[in-house]
Amino acid sequence: MDKKAKKRLDIINKKLQMLRPRLAGSREQADDAEELQQLENEISSLQAEAAELKAS
């Protein structure tokens, strides 16, 4: 894994650390279903990108 991929993976992990608590809070206070879906989609896409980077 080159430096660029490592840096991108670090950024993805930081974003995931911020998004997971927001998702948990959004699930507890289900005011906006669209926000919940958006957070779930963003987390899944970041996880997929992280898996792709780790595989390369």
N, C-alpha and C. Protein backbone atom coordinates (compact mmCIF):
# COMPACT_ATOMS: atom_id res chain seq x y z
N MET A 1 0.85 -1.17 0.00
CA MET A 1 0.00 0.00 0.00
C MET A 1 0.90 1.24 0.00
N ASP A 2 0.64 2.16 -0.91
CA ASP A 2 1.47 3.35 -1.00
C ASP A 2 0.99 4.43 -0.02
N LYS A 3 1.73 5.53 0.02
CA LYS A 3 1.43 6.60 0.97
C LYS A 3 0.05 7.21 0.73
N LYS A 4 -0.30 7.37 -0.52
CA LYS A 4 -1.58 7.98 -0.87
C LYS A 4 -2.75 7.12 -0.38
N ALA A 5 -2.64 5.82 -0.56
CA ALA A 5 -3.70 4.91 -0.12
C ALA A 5 -3.78 4.88 1.40
N LYS A 6 -2.64 4.91 2.08
CA LYS A 6 -2.64 4.93 3.54
C LYS A 6 -3.31 6.20 4.07
N LYS A 7 -2.99 7.31 3.44
CA LYS A 7 -3.58 8.58 3.86
C LYS A 7 -5.09 8.56 3.64
N ARG A 8 -5.53 8.05 2.51
CA ARG A 8 -6.96 7.96 2.23
C ARG A 8 -7.66 7.04 3.23
N LEU A 9 -7.02 5.95 3.59
CA LEU A 9 -7.57 5.02 4.56
C LEU A 9 -7.68 5.69 5.93
N ASP A 10 -6.69 6.48 6.30
CA ASP A 10 -6.76 7.21 7.57
C ASP A 10 -7.93 8.19 7.58
N ILE A 11 -8.12 8.88 6.47
CA ILE A 11 -9.22 9.84 6.36
C ILE A 11 -10.56 9.13 6.45
N ILE A 12 -10.68 7.99 5.79
CA ILE A 12 -11.92 7.21 5.82
C ILE A 12 -12.21 6.76 7.25
N ASN A 13 -11.19 6.27 7.95
CA ASN A 13 -11.40 5.81 9.32
C ASN A 13 -11.83 6.95 10.23
N LYS A 14 -11.26 8.13 10.05
CA LYS A 14 -11.66 9.28 10.86
C LYS A 14 -13.11 9.66 10.59
N LYS A 15 -13.50 9.65 9.31
CA LYS A 15 -14.88 9.96 8.96
C LYS A 15 -15.85 8.94 9.56
N LEU A 16 -15.46 7.67 9.51
CA LEU A 16 -16.31 6.62 10.07
C LEU A 16 -16.46 6.79 11.58
N GLN A 17 -15.39 7.18 12.26
CA GLN A 17 -15.46 7.41 13.70
C GLN A 17 -16.43 8.54 14.04
N MET A 18 -16.54 9.53 13.17
CA MET A 18 -17.47 10.63 13.40
C MET A 18 -18.90 10.26 13.01
N LEU A 19 -19.06 9.45 11.98
CA LEU A 19 -20.39 9.13 11.48
C LEU A 19 -21.12 8.09 12.32
N ARG A 20 -20.41 7.14 12.87
CA ARG A 20 -21.07 6.07 13.63
C ARG A 20 -21.87 6.59 14.83
N PRO A 21 -21.31 7.50 15.66
CA PRO A 21 -22.13 8.04 16.75
C PRO A 21 -23.33 8.86 16.25
N ARG A 22 -23.14 9.57 15.13
CA ARG A 22 -24.25 10.32 14.56
C ARG A 22 -25.36 9.38 14.11
N LEU A 23 -24.98 8.24 13.54
CA LEU A 23 -25.96 7.26 13.11
C LEU A 23 -26.71 6.69 14.31
N ALA A 24 -25.98 6.38 15.36
CA ALA A 24 -26.62 5.85 16.57
C ALA A 24 -27.60 6.87 17.15
N GLY A 25 -27.21 8.13 17.19
CA GLY A 25 -28.09 9.17 17.68
C GLY A 25 -29.30 9.36 16.80
N SER A 26 -29.10 9.25 15.52
CA SER A 26 -30.20 9.40 14.57
C SER A 26 -31.19 8.25 14.70
N ARG A 27 -30.69 7.07 15.01
CA ARG A 27 -31.58 5.92 15.21
C ARG A 27 -32.41 6.09 16.48
N GLU A 28 -31.81 6.64 17.52
CA GLU A 28 -32.54 6.86 18.77
C GLU A 28 -33.62 7.92 18.61
N GLN A 29 -33.28 8.97 17.89
CA GLN A 29 -34.21 10.08 17.69
C GLN A 29 -34.56 10.11 16.21
N ALA A 30 -35.49 9.30 15.83
CA ALA A 30 -35.84 9.10 14.43
C ALA A 30 -36.78 10.19 13.92
N ASP A 31 -36.30 11.43 13.92
CA ASP A 31 -37.11 12.54 13.41
C ASP A 31 -37.10 12.57 11.89
N ASP A 32 -35.93 12.31 11.33
CA ASP A 32 -35.76 12.45 9.89
C ASP A 32 -35.25 11.12 9.31
N ALA A 33 -36.14 10.40 8.67
CA ALA A 33 -35.76 9.10 8.10
C ALA A 33 -34.77 9.28 6.95
N GLU A 34 -34.87 10.39 6.26
CA GLU A 34 -33.95 10.64 5.14
C GLU A 34 -32.52 10.80 5.63
N GLU A 35 -32.33 11.47 6.76
CA GLU A 35 -31.00 11.64 7.33
C GLU A 35 -30.42 10.29 7.74
N LEU A 36 -31.25 9.46 8.32
CA LEU A 36 -30.83 8.11 8.73
C LEU A 36 -30.35 7.32 7.53
N GLN A 37 -31.11 7.35 6.46
CA GLN A 37 -30.75 6.62 5.24
C GLN A 37 -29.46 7.18 4.64
N GLN A 38 -29.31 8.50 4.66
CA GLN A 38 -28.12 9.14 4.11
C GLN A 38 -26.88 8.72 4.90
N LEU A 39 -26.98 8.71 6.22
CA LEU A 39 -25.84 8.30 7.05
C LEU A 39 -25.48 6.84 6.80
N GLU A 40 -26.49 5.97 6.71
CA GLU A 40 -26.23 4.56 6.44
C GLU A 40 -25.55 4.37 5.09
N ASN A 41 -26.00 5.10 4.08
CA ASN A 41 -25.40 5.00 2.74
C ASN A 41 -23.96 5.48 2.75
N GLU A 42 -23.71 6.60 3.43
CA GLU A 42 -22.36 7.15 3.47
C GLU A 42 -21.41 6.20 4.20
N ILE A 43 -21.86 5.62 5.30
CA ILE A 43 -21.03 4.68 6.04
C ILE A 43 -20.73 3.44 5.21
N SER A 44 -21.74 2.92 4.54
CA SER A 44 -21.51 1.71 3.74
C SER A 44 -20.57 1.98 2.57
N SER A 45 -20.68 3.15 1.95
CA SER A 45 -19.78 3.46 0.84
C SER A 45 -18.35 3.66 1.33
N LEU A 46 -18.18 4.28 2.50
CA LEU A 46 -16.84 4.45 3.05
C LEU A 46 -16.23 3.11 3.45
N GLN A 47 -17.05 2.23 4.01
CA GLN A 47 -16.55 0.90 4.38
C GLN A 47 -16.14 0.11 3.14
N ALA A 48 -16.90 0.24 2.07
CA ALA A 48 -16.55 -0.46 0.83
C ALA A 48 -15.25 0.08 0.26
N GLU A 49 -15.08 1.39 0.30
CA GLU A 49 -13.84 1.99 -0.21
C GLU A 49 -12.65 1.56 0.64
N ALA A 50 -12.83 1.50 1.97
CA ALA A 50 -11.76 1.06 2.86
C ALA A 50 -11.38 -0.40 2.57
N ALA A 51 -12.36 -1.23 2.36
CA ALA A 51 -12.09 -2.64 2.05
C ALA A 51 -11.33 -2.76 0.73
N GLU A 52 -11.69 -1.94 -0.23
CA GLU A 52 -11.02 -1.96 -1.54
C GLU A 52 -9.56 -1.51 -1.39
N LEU A 53 -9.33 -0.49 -0.58
CA LEU A 53 -7.96 -0.01 -0.36
C LEU A 53 -7.13 -1.06 0.37
N LYS A 54 -7.71 -1.73 1.33
CA LYS A 54 -6.98 -2.75 2.08
C LYS A 54 -6.63 -3.94 1.20
N ALA A 55 -7.49 -4.24 0.25
CA ALA A 55 -7.26 -5.39 -0.64
C ALA A 55 -6.15 -5.11 -1.64
N SER A 56 -5.90 -3.86 -1.94
CA SER A 56 -4.89 -3.55 -2.96
C SER A 56 -3.49 -3.46 -2.40
